[in-house]
N, C-alpha and C. Protein backbone atom coordinates (compact mmCIF):
# COMPACT_ATOMS: atom_id res chain seq x y z
N MET A 1 19.25 -6.35 181.36
CA MET A 1 19.64 -7.70 180.69
C MET A 1 20.69 -7.08 179.89
N ARG A 2 21.95 -8.18 179.86
CA ARG A 2 23.09 -7.75 178.92
C ARG A 2 22.80 -8.80 177.79
N THR A 3 23.27 -8.25 176.49
CA THR A 3 23.28 -9.05 175.47
C THR A 3 24.22 -8.59 174.33
N THR A 4 24.65 -9.28 173.33
CA THR A 4 25.51 -8.87 172.27
C THR A 4 24.86 -8.51 171.13
N LEU A 5 24.76 -7.53 170.45
CA LEU A 5 24.34 -7.34 169.14
C LEU A 5 25.20 -6.66 168.42
N THR A 6 25.02 -7.20 166.99
CA THR A 6 25.95 -6.49 165.75
C THR A 6 25.20 -5.78 165.08
N LEU A 7 25.69 -4.34 164.75
CA LEU A 7 24.84 -3.25 164.12
C LEU A 7 25.65 -3.04 162.81
N ASP A 8 24.79 -2.78 161.73
CA ASP A 8 25.08 -2.42 160.45
C ASP A 8 25.80 -1.08 160.67
N ALA A 9 26.74 -0.64 159.80
CA ALA A 9 27.40 0.51 159.94
C ALA A 9 26.47 1.84 159.92
N ASP A 10 25.29 1.83 159.00
CA ASP A 10 24.56 2.75 159.08
C ASP A 10 23.61 2.80 160.27
N VAL A 11 23.31 1.66 160.79
CA VAL A 11 22.48 1.98 161.85
C VAL A 11 23.45 2.42 163.23
N TYR A 12 24.83 2.04 163.39
CA TYR A 12 25.64 2.62 164.20
C TYR A 12 25.88 4.19 164.09
N ALA A 13 25.92 4.58 162.92
CA ALA A 13 25.99 6.04 162.67
C ALA A 13 24.77 6.91 163.05
N LEU A 14 23.75 6.20 162.85
CA LEU A 14 22.51 6.91 163.20
C LEU A 14 22.25 6.96 164.87
N LEU A 15 22.85 5.65 165.21
CA LEU A 15 22.77 5.95 166.90
C LEU A 15 23.85 6.91 167.49
N ARG A 16 24.94 6.90 166.87
CA ARG A 16 26.04 8.11 167.30
C ARG A 16 25.56 9.30 167.28
N LYS A 17 24.66 9.57 165.91
CA LYS A 17 23.87 10.96 165.76
C LYS A 17 23.02 11.24 166.89
N LEU A 18 22.19 10.34 167.11
CA LEU A 18 21.08 10.30 168.35
C LEU A 18 22.00 10.68 169.65
N MET A 19 22.90 9.94 170.00
CA MET A 19 23.37 9.94 171.28
C MET A 19 24.26 11.76 171.38
N ARG A 20 24.78 12.18 170.06
CA ARG A 20 25.28 13.41 170.05
C ARG A 20 24.12 14.50 170.39
N GLU A 21 23.11 14.25 169.67
CA GLU A 21 21.92 15.40 169.52
C GLU A 21 21.21 15.47 170.80
N ARG A 22 21.14 14.22 171.44
CA ARG A 22 20.44 14.32 172.86
C ARG A 22 21.16 13.98 174.21
N GLY A 23 22.46 13.81 173.83
CA GLY A 23 23.20 13.66 175.05
C GLY A 23 22.99 12.38 175.75
N LEU A 24 22.91 11.23 174.93
CA LEU A 24 22.46 10.00 175.60
C LEU A 24 23.60 9.12 175.61
N SER A 25 23.58 8.07 176.69
CA SER A 25 24.61 7.06 176.44
C SER A 25 24.38 6.21 175.29
N PHE A 26 25.37 5.17 174.99
CA PHE A 26 25.09 4.24 173.87
C PHE A 26 23.69 3.36 174.20
N LYS A 27 23.90 2.76 175.64
CA LYS A 27 22.60 2.08 176.16
C LYS A 27 21.41 2.96 175.96
N GLU A 28 21.36 4.05 176.41
CA GLU A 28 20.17 5.08 176.44
C GLU A 28 19.62 5.12 174.96
N ALA A 29 20.56 5.44 174.15
CA ALA A 29 20.18 5.24 172.56
C ALA A 29 19.48 4.22 171.85
N VAL A 30 20.15 3.15 172.14
CA VAL A 30 19.61 1.79 171.86
C VAL A 30 18.48 1.57 172.29
N ASN A 31 18.18 1.58 173.52
CA ASN A 31 16.90 1.42 174.06
C ASN A 31 15.73 2.39 173.59
N LEU A 32 15.96 3.63 173.33
CA LEU A 32 15.04 4.57 172.93
C LEU A 32 14.78 4.13 171.47
N ALA A 33 15.63 3.88 170.60
CA ALA A 33 15.64 3.46 169.16
C ALA A 33 14.59 2.34 169.06
N ILE A 34 14.97 1.35 169.99
CA ILE A 34 14.19 0.06 169.74
C ILE A 34 12.71 0.22 170.29
N ARG A 35 12.62 0.85 171.49
CA ARG A 35 11.09 1.32 171.79
C ARG A 35 10.53 1.92 170.80
N ALA A 36 10.83 3.14 170.14
CA ALA A 36 10.29 3.97 169.16
C ALA A 36 9.82 2.90 168.03
N GLY A 37 10.80 2.00 167.60
CA GLY A 37 10.28 1.05 166.59
C GLY A 37 9.36 0.18 166.80
N LEU A 38 9.32 -0.48 167.98
CA LEU A 38 8.37 -1.29 168.67
C LEU A 38 6.99 -0.78 168.89
N ALA A 39 7.02 0.49 169.26
CA ALA A 39 5.76 1.22 169.69
C ALA A 39 5.05 1.80 168.44
N SER A 40 5.79 1.99 167.19
CA SER A 40 5.00 2.45 166.27
C SER A 40 3.96 1.50 165.76
N GLY A 41 3.85 0.39 166.14
CA GLY A 41 2.54 -0.43 166.02
C GLY A 41 2.38 -0.96 164.60
N SER A 42 1.64 -0.31 163.84
CA SER A 42 1.33 -0.70 162.51
C SER A 42 2.17 -0.36 161.71
N GLU A 43 2.71 -1.21 160.56
CA GLU A 43 3.36 -0.73 159.54
C GLU A 43 2.85 0.05 158.35
N THR A 44 3.20 1.03 157.93
CA THR A 44 2.58 1.64 156.68
C THR A 44 2.85 0.82 155.46
N ALA A 45 1.74 0.86 154.44
CA ALA A 45 2.06 0.17 153.41
C ALA A 45 3.11 0.98 152.41
N ALA A 46 3.91 0.20 151.70
CA ALA A 46 4.91 0.83 150.93
C ALA A 46 4.09 1.04 149.70
N GLU A 47 4.34 2.09 148.74
CA GLU A 47 3.83 2.01 147.44
C GLU A 47 4.70 1.86 146.45
N THR A 48 4.80 1.07 145.64
CA THR A 48 5.70 0.59 144.59
C THR A 48 5.22 0.92 143.28
N PRO A 49 5.76 1.87 142.39
CA PRO A 49 5.35 2.24 141.09
C PRO A 49 5.31 1.09 140.02
N THR A 50 4.32 1.30 139.34
CA THR A 50 4.30 0.03 138.16
C THR A 50 4.45 0.77 136.96
N PHE A 51 4.94 -0.36 136.10
CA PHE A 51 5.26 0.31 134.71
C PHE A 51 4.71 -0.95 133.64
N SER A 52 4.29 -0.35 132.58
CA SER A 52 3.80 -1.39 131.43
C SER A 52 5.04 -1.88 130.89
N LEU A 53 5.09 -3.22 130.68
CA LEU A 53 6.36 -3.79 130.17
C LEU A 53 6.12 -3.96 128.54
N GLY A 54 4.93 -3.69 128.19
CA GLY A 54 4.48 -4.07 126.70
C GLY A 54 4.01 -5.42 126.63
N ALA A 55 3.81 -5.76 125.46
CA ALA A 55 3.13 -7.14 125.03
C ALA A 55 4.17 -8.21 125.19
N PRO A 56 3.76 -9.35 125.61
CA PRO A 56 4.84 -10.36 125.98
C PRO A 56 5.76 -10.87 124.83
N ARG A 57 6.89 -11.03 124.80
CA ARG A 57 7.67 -11.43 123.54
C ARG A 57 7.77 -13.05 123.48
N VAL A 58 7.12 -13.73 124.30
CA VAL A 58 6.93 -15.21 124.17
C VAL A 58 5.48 -15.45 124.43
N PRO A 59 5.06 -16.67 123.99
CA PRO A 59 3.65 -16.98 124.21
C PRO A 59 3.56 -17.50 125.70
N LEU A 60 2.74 -16.60 126.36
CA LEU A 60 2.70 -17.12 127.81
C LEU A 60 2.33 -18.28 128.18
N GLU A 61 1.44 -18.85 127.29
CA GLU A 61 1.05 -20.40 127.43
C GLU A 61 2.10 -21.19 127.40
N ARG A 62 3.16 -20.78 126.95
CA ARG A 62 4.37 -21.83 126.87
C ARG A 62 5.56 -21.29 127.77
N ALA A 63 5.23 -20.47 128.54
CA ALA A 63 6.21 -19.84 129.58
C ALA A 63 7.08 -20.91 130.51
N LEU A 64 6.31 -21.86 131.03
CA LEU A 64 6.93 -22.83 131.82
C LEU A 64 7.64 -23.93 130.80
N ARG A 65 7.22 -24.22 129.75
CA ARG A 65 8.01 -25.11 128.98
C ARG A 65 9.19 -24.40 128.47
N LEU A 66 9.16 -23.04 128.33
CA LEU A 66 10.22 -22.36 128.03
C LEU A 66 11.46 -22.17 128.92
N ALA A 67 10.89 -22.07 130.01
CA ALA A 67 11.80 -22.08 131.36
C ALA A 67 12.41 -23.19 131.50
N GLY A 68 11.75 -24.17 131.32
CA GLY A 68 12.47 -25.72 131.51
C GLY A 68 13.56 -25.90 130.41
N GLU A 69 13.09 -25.51 129.18
CA GLU A 69 14.11 -25.57 128.27
C GLU A 69 15.46 -24.72 128.69
N LEU A 70 15.17 -23.52 128.94
CA LEU A 70 16.46 -22.81 129.32
C LEU A 70 17.20 -23.24 130.37
N GLU A 71 16.62 -23.78 131.42
CA GLU A 71 17.06 -24.47 132.50
C GLU A 71 17.92 -25.71 132.07
N ASP A 72 17.35 -26.50 130.99
CA ASP A 72 18.13 -27.47 130.71
C ASP A 72 19.43 -27.24 129.89
N GLU A 73 19.27 -26.06 129.00
CA GLU A 73 20.31 -25.74 128.15
C GLU A 73 21.49 -25.15 129.34
N GLU A 74 20.95 -24.47 130.35
CA GLU A 74 22.11 -23.95 131.15
C GLU A 74 22.84 -25.08 131.97
N LEU A 75 22.07 -26.32 132.28
CA LEU A 75 22.58 -27.58 133.10
C LEU A 75 23.53 -28.13 132.14
N ILE A 76 23.31 -28.19 130.83
CA ILE A 76 24.24 -28.80 129.99
C ILE A 76 25.53 -28.02 129.65
N ARG A 77 25.27 -26.71 129.60
CA ARG A 77 26.54 -25.86 129.49
C ARG A 77 27.59 -26.08 130.65
N LYS A 78 26.81 -25.96 131.86
CA LYS A 78 27.60 -26.19 133.07
C LYS A 78 28.32 -27.52 133.01
N LEU A 79 27.61 -28.55 132.83
CA LEU A 79 28.21 -29.92 132.57
C LEU A 79 29.37 -29.99 131.90
N ALA A 80 29.28 -29.54 130.51
CA ALA A 80 30.10 -29.43 129.56
C ALA A 80 31.52 -28.64 130.21
N LEU A 81 31.28 -27.69 130.98
CA LEU A 81 32.48 -26.95 131.37
C LEU A 81 33.52 -27.70 132.37
N ARG A 82 32.77 -28.68 133.02
CA ARG A 82 33.30 -29.58 133.94
C ARG A 82 34.48 -30.55 133.25
N LYS A 83 33.98 -31.07 132.11
CA LYS A 83 34.95 -32.03 131.49
C LYS A 83 36.28 -31.37 131.08
């Protein structure tokens, strides 16, 4: 099957490296990479480090109200710039 695909520069570089190392054509390298990615089956869970941010600086029970007030102030500022 023929199709057109757009590759990011880093992906293209990886494919070119695979082509050189294994003596593959572009078509063979793309198919091999796709098969390897699809055959891997399950994705591994990524671990993300967590950090303590300390005590909250605003009362959390007022967080939504504060967010609304800040949003209102920003809208007023943007409207004032249009005049």
